[in-house]
Amino acid sequence: MIQVSGQTAIENQRAAGPSPQTDWDPEVIAFCCNYCAFSAAALAGAKRMQYPAGVRIISIPCTGKLEMEHILEAFEKGADGVLVVGCLEGGCHYVEGNLRAKKRTDRIREVLDEIGLGSGRLKMVNLSDSMASLFVQQIQDIMGTIRVLGPNPLGQTEKKESAGRI
């Protein structure tokens, strides 16, 4: 055991509070607008930028078409986090789609707090198609937040139920 100023390393870690979990890989669904966000993701891939493998990118026509049910279903099916990525505010190809998506994600964040999952599991960001490095940074940020929050408890239930069906 390592001694640090009269305390063991384990005692120091406990005093520091909860630490990020390292024994699991979070699963994050990234709903990306087909114009700006998906292009930023494609550019990140073309530049060979690295981000965690647990991210699943889903291209959608516009974040304004993303219904609350889609996001809630992602959590119900076991996603640890959801990232909604749309065009820059004022730059939406469908005029106000990303503004509608922002209102919806804000409401869902309230619901996630109400049901005990935590609003930190959902994040919305706005990017242009040339912001590949910021796209990767946003993914790394939500993955870090999810690691602190821990696995989605709904996902654990889903995995147990599907294991019982085999």
Protein backbone atom coordinates (compact mmCIF):
# COMPACT_ATOMS: atom_id res chain seq x y z
CA MET A 1 0.00 0.00 0.00
CA ILE A 2 1.36 3.45 -0.87
CA GLN A 3 1.47 5.91 2.02
CA VAL A 4 0.70 9.54 1.22
CA SER A 5 0.92 12.00 4.11
CA GLY A 6 -0.11 9.43 6.69
CA GLN A 7 -2.97 7.93 4.61
CA THR A 8 -3.04 5.01 2.24
CA ALA A 9 -3.80 5.56 -1.44
CA ILE A 10 -7.20 3.87 -1.00
CA GLU A 11 -8.12 6.24 1.84
CA ASN A 12 -7.11 9.20 -0.33
CA GLN A 13 -9.28 7.90 -3.18
CA ARG A 14 -12.29 7.46 -0.86
CA ALA A 15 -11.80 10.98 0.52
CA ALA A 16 -11.71 12.37 -3.01
CA GLY A 17 -15.21 11.00 -3.70
CA PRO A 18 -16.47 8.81 -6.51
CA SER A 19 -13.98 8.07 -9.24
CA PRO A 20 -14.70 7.39 -12.88
CA GLN A 21 -15.38 3.73 -13.61
CA THR A 22 -12.70 2.09 -15.69
CA ASP A 23 -13.89 -1.52 -15.95
CA TRP A 24 -16.55 -0.90 -18.63
CA ASP A 25 -16.84 0.99 -21.88
CA PRO A 26 -19.79 3.38 -22.05
CA GLU A 27 -22.11 3.14 -25.03
CA VAL A 28 -23.14 6.50 -26.46
CA ILE A 29 -25.54 7.15 -29.30
CA ALA A 30 -24.72 10.26 -31.34
CA PHE A 31 -27.66 11.54 -33.38
CA CYS A 32 -26.01 13.71 -36.04
CA CYS A 33 -27.69 16.05 -38.49
CA ASN A 34 -26.97 14.89 -42.03
CA TYR A 35 -25.52 18.22 -43.11
CA CYS A 36 -23.14 19.70 -40.57
CA ALA A 37 -22.67 17.17 -37.79
CA PHE A 38 -22.39 14.04 -39.91
CA SER A 39 -19.95 15.87 -42.18
CA ALA A 40 -17.86 16.82 -39.12
CA ALA A 41 -17.86 13.14 -38.08
CA ALA A 42 -16.83 12.09 -41.59
CA LEU A 43 -14.06 14.69 -41.60
CA ALA A 44 -12.82 13.39 -38.24
CA GLY A 45 -12.65 9.93 -39.78
CA ALA A 46 -10.86 11.21 -42.88
CA LYS A 47 -8.30 12.94 -40.65
CA ARG A 48 -7.95 9.70 -38.64
CA MET A 49 -8.90 11.43 -35.38
CA GLN A 50 -9.43 8.97 -32.56
CA TYR A 51 -12.48 8.77 -30.32
CA PRO A 52 -13.85 5.97 -28.14
CA ALA A 53 -15.21 2.90 -29.91
CA GLY A 54 -18.41 2.84 -27.84
CA VAL A 55 -19.94 5.67 -29.90
CA ARG A 56 -22.61 4.81 -32.46
CA ILE A 57 -23.29 7.59 -34.96
CA ILE A 58 -26.78 7.78 -36.43
CA SER A 59 -27.32 10.18 -39.31
CA ILE A 60 -30.67 11.96 -39.28
CA PRO A 61 -32.01 14.53 -41.78
CA CYS A 62 -32.18 17.26 -39.13
CA THR A 63 -32.04 17.32 -35.34
CA GLY A 64 -35.46 18.98 -35.51
CA LYS A 65 -36.84 15.64 -36.76
CA LEU A 66 -35.48 13.85 -33.69
CA GLU A 67 -38.45 13.12 -31.45
CA MET A 68 -38.28 12.78 -27.67
CA GLU A 69 -39.30 9.14 -28.05
CA HIS A 70 -36.16 8.34 -30.06
CA ILE A 71 -33.89 9.64 -27.32
CA LEU A 72 -35.81 7.98 -24.52
CA GLU A 73 -35.84 4.69 -26.45
CA ALA A 74 -32.04 4.85 -26.75
CA PHE A 75 -31.81 5.00 -22.95
CA GLU A 76 -34.46 2.30 -22.56
CA LYS A 77 -32.46 -0.01 -24.84
CA GLY A 78 -29.33 0.48 -22.76
CA ALA A 79 -27.39 3.47 -24.11
CA ASP A 80 -25.34 5.04 -21.33
CA GLY A 81 -25.50 8.45 -22.98
CA VAL A 82 -26.90 10.34 -25.95
CA LEU A 83 -25.23 13.15 -27.86
CA VAL A 84 -27.37 15.24 -30.22
CA VAL A 85 -25.25 17.14 -32.72
CA GLY A 86 -26.81 19.73 -35.01
CA CYS A 87 -25.92 22.66 -37.21
CA LEU A 88 -24.75 25.93 -35.71
CA GLU A 89 -27.59 28.04 -34.31
CA GLY A 90 -28.86 30.24 -37.11
CA GLY A 91 -27.29 27.94 -39.69
CA CYS A 92 -29.81 25.09 -39.80
CA HIS A 93 -30.62 23.90 -43.31
CA TYR A 94 -34.24 23.53 -42.17
CA VAL A 95 -34.28 27.04 -40.64
CA GLU A 96 -35.31 26.27 -37.03
CA GLY A 97 -34.79 22.52 -36.69
CA ASN A 98 -31.89 22.75 -34.29
CA LEU A 99 -33.78 25.25 -32.11
CA ARG A 100 -36.68 22.79 -31.78
CA ALA A 101 -34.18 20.05 -30.95
CA LYS A 102 -32.63 22.21 -28.23
CA LYS A 103 -36.04 22.69 -26.58
CA ARG A 104 -36.70 18.96 -26.75
CA THR A 105 -33.33 17.97 -25.31
CA ASP A 106 -33.73 20.50 -22.50
CA ARG A 107 -37.10 18.94 -21.63
CA ILE A 108 -35.69 15.41 -21.78
CA ARG A 109 -32.83 16.42 -19.50
CA GLU A 110 -35.47 17.46 -16.93
CA VAL A 111 -37.22 14.10 -17.35
CA LEU A 112 -33.93 12.23 -16.90
CA ASP A 113 -33.38 14.05 -13.61
CA GLU A 114 -36.94 13.30 -12.52
CA ILE A 115 -36.59 9.56 -13.13
CA GLY A 116 -33.15 9.38 -11.55
CA LEU A 117 -30.93 8.71 -14.59
CA GLY A 118 -29.33 12.15 -14.50
CA SER A 119 -29.42 14.93 -17.06
CA GLY A 120 -25.67 14.60 -17.69
CA ARG A 121 -26.39 11.55 -19.85
CA LEU A 122 -27.83 13.77 -22.60
CA LYS A 123 -26.02 16.59 -24.32
CA MET A 124 -26.75 18.72 -27.37
CA VAL A 125 -24.08 20.63 -29.26
CA ASN A 126 -24.02 22.69 -32.44
CA LEU A 127 -21.19 22.37 -34.95
CA SER A 128 -20.38 23.27 -38.52
CA ASP A 129 -19.20 20.69 -41.03
CA SER A 130 -15.56 21.73 -40.65
CA MET A 131 -15.39 21.30 -36.86
CA ALA A 132 -14.02 17.74 -36.76
CA SER A 133 -11.73 18.33 -33.79
CA LEU A 134 -14.57 19.90 -31.78
CA PHE A 135 -16.78 16.92 -32.70
CA VAL A 136 -14.17 14.54 -31.27
CA GLN A 137 -13.77 16.76 -28.18
CA GLN A 138 -17.53 16.71 -27.54
CA ILE A 139 -17.55 12.91 -27.74
CA GLN A 140 -14.65 12.68 -25.31
CA ASP A 141 -16.44 15.11 -22.95
CA ILE A 142 -19.67 13.12 -22.82
CA MET A 143 -17.75 9.85 -22.45
CA GLY A 144 -15.92 11.34 -19.44
CA THR A 145 -19.21 12.47 -17.92
CA ILE A 146 -20.76 9.04 -18.47
CA ARG A 147 -17.77 7.32 -16.87
CA VAL A 148 -18.37 9.40 -13.73
CA LEU A 149 -22.13 8.71 -13.75
CA GLY A 150 -21.64 4.99 -14.28
CA PRO A 151 -23.58 2.52 -16.41
CA ASN A 152 -27.21 3.16 -17.33
CA PRO A 153 -29.25 1.14 -14.81
CA LEU A 154 -31.92 0.57 -17.48
CA GLY A 155 -29.26 -0.99 -19.70
CA GLN A 156 -28.36 -3.49 -17.00
CA THR A 157 -31.99 -4.62 -16.85
CA GLU A 158 -32.18 -4.92 -20.64
CA LYS A 159 -29.01 -7.03 -20.74
CA LYS A 160 -30.30 -9.36 -18.00
CA GLU A 161 -33.64 -9.83 -19.79
CA SER A 162 -32.01 -10.60 -23.13
CA ALA A 163 -29.58 -13.04 -21.46
CA GLY A 164 -32.55 -14.89 -19.98
CA ARG A 165 -34.10 -15.35 -23.46
CA ILE A 166 -31.12 -17.19 -24.92
